[in-house]
Amino acid sequence: MNETAHRHTSLAAHLCAFALLLTPAILRAQYGVAHERPAPILLWSSQVGKTTFRTDIAHLGDRLYVGSNGQRYKDFIGDSDNGVHILNARTGQRERSIVGGSWGDNDVNGTLALDGRIYFGSDNDEFFCVSDVGDLIWRVPCSGDVEHVPVALPLPSGQMAVVYATERGEIRALNPEDGSTIWAHYQAEFDGWKPGENRFVFRVQNHLTDVFGYFTAPNVEDVNKDGTLDLVYTTGRGTEAISGADGSTLWKNKLGAYFSPKPALRKTRRGFEILDYEWVRLPGEVYQSAFQYRVMDQHGKALRPFPGLLNTRLDGHCVREADGALLFVDGHGAVF
């Protein structure tokens, strides 16, 4: 085993140790745990079309609400399976499907249940509120694809807001009752549609343009310690902390992976630590690269590197444990 391979193996063993200690067999052997959680039993299955790592399932009463990308991830004419499917939670039977229209890309990812209503955005540049049986209550136009589950955000007034974000670079907090705007935020580089502008020209241009806005769900934290929860996003341009009170920018930097489900953050007494990486070319005639991970502060200053290189990128789901440890599942099913 060469030195580089040894570093990979040692680091993988180091990072996996926490997860391995949580397995039932090891817990039983080391700590005398007498039982394991029973194996899951399949109760039913239901065909809902294509989903993504951003697909969140909402639950109200005896119904489940599942967003779907249908048969294709990119449409100009909607297919029969995209939108939101309402399933009976006990049987899995489809009760109804909600599609935003017959034209355009009506793919839906995350759905949010709040106070007896369902909220979701689509790739057809719209955001919806429907009743528990799927009847439309209101809909509003957006500046681009809404890719992640909406966020239920408590405001200083005691009111609850529903927040969506678009790939084009818009974040908007809405009154859940009627869809009216509470506050709106646009990236400094935003050049998309805003309310009052010509929407037809925008929609043609929007689907032919590369975007670097908001793709994955934010971390919800009280960043500035004012008693109000804020939103921390990883974008194509870096990591941004947005005030939950008024949508203003609290801080931003150029760190983070755009397609990471959530920024890997850790709160400390001095602020936030962010997990970032850079590509490193490995020695040899055949081109190979690895990932050097490092811990940065919220202003982009390097604090400490990981003790080696990884041959995989940690863009899978990240879970933060109570003691501050971060668990990742990468695209190959490995746990770190």
Protein backbone atom coordinates (compact mmCIF):
# COMPACT_ATOMS: atom_id res chain seq x y z
CA MET A 1 0.00 0.00 0.00
CA ASN A 2 1.53 3.34 -1.01
CA GLU A 3 1.58 6.38 1.27
CA THR A 4 -1.38 8.08 -0.43
CA ALA A 5 -3.52 4.94 -0.22
CA HIS A 6 -2.55 4.56 3.43
CA ARG A 7 -3.68 8.12 4.14
CA HIS A 8 -7.02 7.37 2.45
CA THR A 9 -7.53 4.20 4.49
CA SER A 10 -6.52 5.77 7.79
CA LEU A 11 -8.75 8.78 7.28
CA ALA A 12 -11.71 6.63 6.24
CA ALA A 13 -11.26 4.49 9.35
CA HIS A 14 -11.01 7.61 11.52
CA LEU A 15 -14.13 9.19 10.05
CA CYS A 16 -16.16 5.97 10.11
CA ALA A 17 -15.38 5.17 13.74
CA PHE A 18 -18.21 7.23 15.18
CA ALA A 19 -20.79 5.68 12.85
CA LEU A 20 -19.50 2.14 13.47
CA LEU A 21 -19.83 2.54 17.22
CA LEU A 22 -23.52 3.16 16.71
CA THR A 23 -24.23 -0.16 14.99
CA PRO A 24 -26.46 -2.50 17.08
CA ALA A 25 -24.01 -5.41 17.04
CA ILE A 26 -21.12 -3.34 18.40
CA LEU A 27 -23.33 -1.62 20.96
CA ARG A 28 -24.51 -5.03 22.16
CA ALA A 29 -20.97 -6.43 22.36
CA GLN A 30 -19.37 -3.39 24.04
CA TYR A 31 -22.15 -2.03 26.19
CA GLY A 32 -24.45 -4.99 26.84
CA VAL A 33 -27.43 -3.70 24.85
CA ALA A 34 -29.84 -6.62 24.88
CA HIS A 35 -31.94 -5.95 21.81
CA GLU A 36 -31.85 -4.49 18.33
CA ARG A 37 -34.44 -2.45 16.48
CA PRO A 38 -36.59 -4.83 14.39
CA ALA A 39 -35.91 -4.96 10.68
CA PRO A 40 -38.28 -2.73 8.68
CA ILE A 41 -41.27 -4.45 7.07
CA LEU A 42 -42.61 -3.32 3.70
CA LEU A 43 -46.25 -2.30 4.16
CA TRP A 44 -46.91 -1.08 0.63
CA SER A 45 -45.26 0.54 -2.38
CA SER A 46 -46.57 3.12 -4.83
CA GLN A 47 -45.21 4.35 -8.15
CA VAL A 48 -44.75 8.14 -7.99
CA GLY A 49 -42.24 8.82 -10.77
CA LYS A 50 -38.67 10.09 -10.41
CA THR A 51 -37.55 11.74 -7.18
CA THR A 52 -34.34 13.46 -5.99
CA PHE A 53 -32.31 13.83 -2.79
CA ARG A 54 -34.37 17.00 -2.20
CA THR A 55 -37.69 15.10 -2.13
CA ASP A 56 -39.33 15.63 1.27
CA ILE A 57 -42.67 13.91 1.99
CA ALA A 58 -45.32 15.88 3.87
CA HIS A 59 -47.86 14.17 6.12
CA LEU A 60 -51.34 15.36 7.13
CA GLY A 61 -53.78 13.00 8.84
CA ASP A 62 -54.12 9.85 6.73
CA ARG A 63 -52.48 11.39 3.64
CA LEU A 64 -48.94 11.66 2.31
CA TYR A 65 -47.89 14.34 -0.20
CA VAL A 66 -45.01 13.35 -2.49
CA GLY A 67 -43.37 15.65 -5.02
CA SER A 68 -42.39 14.02 -8.31
CA ASN A 69 -40.24 14.78 -11.34
CA GLY A 70 -42.42 12.44 -13.40
CA GLN A 71 -40.86 10.31 -16.11
CA ARG A 72 -38.21 12.90 -17.07
CA TYR A 73 -36.17 15.45 -15.15
CA LYS A 74 -36.55 18.09 -17.84
CA ASP A 75 -39.80 18.85 -19.67
CA PHE A 76 -41.24 21.45 -22.00
CA ILE A 77 -44.58 19.65 -22.14
CA GLY A 78 -45.57 18.15 -18.78
CA ASP A 79 -45.72 14.38 -18.39
CA SER A 80 -48.41 12.47 -16.53
CA ASP A 81 -46.44 11.75 -13.35
CA ASN A 82 -44.89 15.08 -12.37
CA GLY A 83 -46.36 17.40 -9.74
CA VAL A 84 -47.54 16.28 -6.29
CA HIS A 85 -49.17 12.91 -5.61
CA ILE A 86 -51.55 12.53 -2.66
CA LEU A 87 -51.34 9.00 -1.26
CA ASN A 88 -53.35 7.22 1.38
CA ALA A 89 -50.87 6.76 4.21
CA ARG A 90 -52.31 3.39 5.21
CA THR A 91 -52.58 1.74 1.79
CA GLY A 92 -50.33 3.79 -0.54
CA GLN A 93 -53.20 4.21 -2.99
CA ARG A 94 -53.00 7.41 -5.02
CA GLU A 95 -55.99 9.62 -4.24
CA ARG A 96 -55.13 12.58 -6.47
CA SER A 97 -52.34 14.18 -8.47
CA ILE A 98 -51.74 17.95 -8.58
CA VAL A 99 -50.07 19.36 -11.68
CA GLY A 100 -49.43 23.07 -12.12
CA GLY A 101 -50.26 23.07 -15.83
CA SER A 102 -50.07 21.13 -19.08
CA TRP A 103 -47.11 23.14 -20.41
CA GLY A 104 -43.66 23.59 -18.96
CA ASP A 105 -41.57 21.70 -16.44
CA ASN A 106 -43.93 20.93 -13.56
CA ASP A 107 -41.44 18.86 -11.54
CA VAL A 108 -41.80 19.15 -7.75
CA ASN A 109 -39.34 18.12 -5.04
CA GLY A 110 -40.10 18.99 -1.41
CA THR A 111 -43.57 19.52 0.09
CA LEU A 112 -44.35 21.24 3.40
CA ALA A 113 -47.37 20.62 5.65
CA LEU A 114 -48.35 23.57 7.82
CA ASP A 115 -51.64 24.22 9.65
CA GLY A 116 -53.67 21.87 7.49
CA ARG A 117 -52.31 23.11 4.16
CA ILE A 118 -49.61 21.90 1.75
CA TYR A 119 -46.98 24.22 0.23
CA PHE A 120 -44.60 23.49 -2.65
CA GLY A 121 -42.75 25.06 -5.55
CA SER A 122 -42.14 23.72 -9.04
CA ASP A 123 -39.62 23.85 -11.87
CA ASN A 124 -42.27 25.80 -13.78
CA ASP A 125 -41.39 28.96 -11.82
CA GLU A 126 -44.42 28.92 -9.51
CA PHE A 127 -45.20 28.41 -5.82
CA PHE A 128 -48.46 26.84 -4.59
CA CYS A 129 -50.66 26.46 -1.53
CA VAL A 130 -53.30 23.72 -1.64
CA SER A 131 -55.78 22.23 0.81
CA ASP A 132 -55.35 18.79 2.36
CA VAL A 133 -57.39 17.28 -0.51
CA GLY A 134 -55.39 19.13 -3.17
CA ASP A 135 -57.68 22.07 -3.99
CA LEU A 136 -55.80 25.22 -5.01
CA ILE A 137 -55.88 28.02 -2.40
CA TRP A 138 -53.36 30.38 -4.01
CA ARG A 139 -50.37 30.38 -6.38
CA VAL A 140 -47.66 32.97 -7.01
CA PRO A 141 -45.11 33.38 -9.83
CA CYS A 142 -41.39 32.94 -9.06
CA SER A 143 -38.13 33.94 -10.70
CA GLY A 144 -37.02 30.38 -11.46
CA ASP A 145 -37.08 26.71 -10.46
CA VAL A 146 -37.93 26.03 -6.80
CA GLU A 147 -35.72 23.05 -6.00
CA HIS A 148 -35.92 22.46 -2.25
CA VAL A 149 -38.62 21.94 0.34
CA PRO A 150 -40.20 25.19 1.61
CA VAL A 151 -39.15 26.38 5.06
CA ALA A 152 -41.62 27.21 7.84
CA LEU A 153 -39.99 30.19 9.55
CA PRO A 154 -41.26 31.86 12.77
CA LEU A 155 -40.92 35.67 12.65
CA PRO A 156 -40.27 38.17 15.49
CA SER A 157 -43.93 39.26 15.31
CA GLY A 158 -45.04 35.75 16.20
CA GLN A 159 -46.33 35.21 12.67
CA MET A 160 -45.23 32.15 10.71
CA ALA A 161 -43.77 32.63 7.22
CA VAL A 162 -43.33 30.11 4.41
CA VAL A 163 -40.03 30.64 2.59
CA TYR A 164 -39.05 29.46 -0.89
CA ALA A 165 -35.89 30.08 -2.92
CA THR A 166 -35.15 29.84 -6.64
CA GLU A 167 -32.18 28.66 -8.65
CA ARG A 168 -32.06 32.12 -10.19
CA GLY A 169 -31.16 33.76 -6.86
CA GLU A 170 -34.38 34.87 -5.14
CA ILE A 171 -35.55 34.08 -1.59
CA ARG A 172 -39.08 35.12 -0.60
CA ALA A 173 -40.95 34.89 2.70
CA LEU A 174 -44.72 34.63 2.21
CA ASN A 175 -47.77 34.97 4.39
CA PRO A 176 -49.08 31.38 4.45
CA GLU A 177 -52.68 32.60 4.48
CA ASP A 178 -52.74 34.47 1.16
CA GLY A 179 -49.26 34.25 -0.41
CA SER A 180 -48.50 37.95 0.05
CA THR A 181 -44.84 38.90 0.40
CA ILE A 182 -43.40 39.56 3.86
CA TRP A 183 -39.86 40.13 2.62
CA ALA A 184 -37.78 39.31 -0.46
CA HIS A 185 -34.04 38.83 -0.95
CA TYR A 186 -32.08 38.80 -4.22
CA GLN A 187 -28.46 37.83 -4.73
CA ALA A 188 -26.26 40.75 -5.75
CA GLU A 189 -25.76 39.09 -9.16
CA PHE A 190 -29.49 38.44 -9.72
CA ASP A 191 -30.64 39.29 -13.25
CA GLY A 192 -33.94 37.40 -13.46
CA TRP A 193 -37.62 38.29 -13.34
CA LYS A 194 -39.10 40.53 -10.64
CA PRO A 195 -42.80 41.26 -10.03
CA GLY A 196 -44.12 43.79 -12.55
CA GLU A 197 -41.74 42.79 -15.37
CA ASN A 198 -42.58 40.98 -18.63
CA ARG A 199 -42.97 37.33 -17.66
CA PHE A 200 -43.13 35.71 -21.11
CA VAL A 201 -39.70 37.00 -22.17
CA PHE A 202 -38.24 35.90 -18.84
CA ARG A 203 -39.60 32.35 -19.01
CA VAL A 204 -38.11 31.72 -22.45
CA GLN A 205 -34.74 33.13 -21.40
CA ASN A 206 -34.70 31.51 -17.97
CA HIS A 207 -34.62 27.93 -19.24
CA LEU A 208 -31.68 28.71 -21.53
CA THR A 209 -29.50 30.31 -18.85
CA ASP A 210 -26.99 28.83 -16.37
CA VAL A 211 -27.92 29.66 -12.80
CA PHE A 212 -25.98 29.75 -9.51
CA GLY A 213 -28.65 30.64 -6.97
CA TYR A 214 -30.39 28.54 -4.34
CA PHE A 215 -30.64 24.81 -4.99
CA THR A 216 -30.62 22.89 -1.71
CA ALA A 217 -32.40 23.45 1.60
CA PRO A 218 -30.79 25.87 4.06
CA ASN A 219 -29.67 25.34 7.60
CA VAL A 220 -31.99 27.22 9.94
CA GLU A 221 -29.99 28.83 12.76
CA ASP A 222 -30.04 31.99 14.85
CA VAL A 223 -26.87 33.32 13.23
CA ASN A 224 -26.70 36.82 14.76
CA LYS A 225 -28.18 35.87 18.16
CA ASP A 226 -31.16 38.22 17.89
CA GLY A 227 -33.68 35.55 18.87
CA THR A 228 -34.90 35.03 15.28
CA LEU A 229 -34.01 32.01 13.18
CA ASP A 230 -31.99 32.77 10.03
CA LEU A 231 -31.26 30.89 6.79
CA VAL A 232 -27.77 29.66 5.79
CA TYR A 233 -27.55 28.59 2.14
CA THR A 234 -24.82 27.04 0.04
CA THR A 235 -25.05 28.43 -3.50
CA GLY A 236 -23.07 28.31 -6.72
CA ARG A 237 -21.26 31.42 -5.51
CA GLY A 238 -20.56 30.45 -1.89
CA THR A 239 -22.26 30.30 1.51
CA GLU A 240 -24.73 33.02 2.54
CA ALA A 241 -26.43 33.77 5.85
CA ILE A 242 -29.77 35.54 5.36
CA SER A 243 -31.71 37.26 8.16
CA GLY A 244 -35.00 35.55 8.93
CA ALA A 245 -36.38 38.84 10.24
CA ASP A 246 -36.08 40.93 7.06
CA GLY A 247 -34.16 39.00 4.35
CA SER A 248 -30.98 41.07 4.60
CA THR A 249 -27.53 39.51 4.14
CA LEU A 250 -25.79 38.82 7.46
CA TRP A 251 -22.58 37.49 5.93
CA LYS A 252 -21.37 35.57 2.88
CA ASN A 253 -18.21 33.96 1.58
CA LYS A 254 -17.05 31.81 -1.34
CA LEU A 255 -17.08 28.46 0.47
CA GLY A 256 -19.22 25.35 0.03
CA ALA A 257 -20.45 22.83 -2.54
CA TYR A 258 -23.50 23.91 -4.58
CA PHE A 259 -25.11 20.46 -4.69
CA SER A 260 -24.54 19.63 -1.02
CA PRO A 261 -27.95 18.97 0.58
CA LYS A 262 -27.16 21.38 3.42
CA PRO A 263 -24.07 23.38 4.34
CA ALA A 264 -21.98 21.43 6.82
CA LEU A 265 -21.97 23.95 9.67
CA ARG A 266 -20.95 23.79 13.30
CA LYS A 267 -21.85 26.55 15.72
CA THR A 268 -19.07 27.69 18.07
CA ARG A 269 -18.66 30.51 20.57
CA ARG A 270 -16.77 32.49 17.93
CA GLY A 271 -19.31 32.00 15.13
CA PHE A 272 -19.73 29.22 12.57
CA GLU A 273 -17.32 26.68 11.17
CA ILE A 274 -17.85 25.47 7.60
CA LEU A 275 -16.58 22.29 5.97
CA ASP A 276 -14.99 23.09 2.60
CA TYR A 277 -12.71 21.27 0.15
CA GLU A 278 -10.37 21.68 -2.80
CA TRP A 279 -9.31 19.26 -5.54
CA VAL A 280 -5.78 17.89 -5.22
CA ARG A 281 -4.02 16.14 -8.10
CA LEU A 282 -2.31 12.92 -7.05
CA PRO A 283 1.23 12.11 -8.25
CA GLY A 284 1.57 9.76 -11.21
CA GLU A 285 1.31 9.66 -15.00
CA VAL A 286 -2.41 8.85 -14.98
CA TYR A 287 -4.49 11.85 -13.94
CA GLN A 288 -6.16 11.21 -10.60
CA SER A 289 -7.49 13.62 -8.03
CA ALA A 290 -8.67 13.55 -4.43
CA PHE A 291 -10.35 15.95 -2.06
CA GLN A 292 -8.60 17.85 0.69
CA TYR A 293 -11.23 18.84 3.24
CA ARG A 294 -10.64 21.72 5.62
CA VAL A 295 -12.53 23.59 8.30
CA MET A 296 -13.02 27.32 7.63
CA ASP A 297 -14.61 30.09 9.63
CA GLN A 298 -17.63 31.98 8.32
CA HIS A 299 -15.37 34.65 6.82
CA GLY A 300 -13.40 32.16 4.72
CA LYS A 301 -10.31 31.86 6.95
CA ALA A 302 -8.77 28.38 7.13
CA LEU A 303 -8.82 26.97 10.67
CA ARG A 304 -7.56 23.40 10.27
CA PRO A 305 -7.31 20.70 7.58
CA PHE A 306 -8.58 17.14 7.72
CA PRO A 307 -5.69 14.74 8.45
CA GLY A 308 -5.47 13.35 4.91
CA LEU A 309 -7.19 13.09 1.54
CA LEU A 310 -10.53 11.57 0.55
CA ASN A 311 -11.23 9.92 -2.79
CA THR A 312 -14.92 10.83 -2.56
CA ARG A 313 -16.78 14.12 -2.20
CA LEU A 314 -19.07 14.43 0.83
CA ASP A 315 -22.07 15.78 -1.07
CA GLY A 316 -24.55 13.30 0.37
CA HIS A 317 -26.93 13.84 3.27
CA CYS A 318 -25.30 15.38 6.34
CA VAL A 319 -26.59 14.84 9.89
CA ARG A 320 -25.24 16.77 12.85
CA GLU A 321 -25.22 14.78 16.09
CA ALA A 322 -25.87 16.27 19.53
CA ASP A 323 -22.15 16.23 20.38
CA GLY A 324 -21.27 18.18 17.22
CA ALA A 325 -20.12 15.21 15.13
CA LEU A 326 -21.08 15.23 11.44
CA LEU A 327 -22.24 12.06 9.69
CA PHE A 328 -22.19 11.94 5.88
CA VAL A 329 -23.41 9.45 3.31
CA ASP A 330 -21.67 9.93 -0.01
CA GLY A 331 -22.94 9.10 -3.48
CA HIS A 332 -21.54 5.55 -3.23
CA GLY A 333 -23.32 4.65 0.01
CA ALA A 334 -20.30 5.04 2.30
CA VAL A 335 -20.77 6.56 5.75
CA PHE A 336 -18.22 9.06 7.12
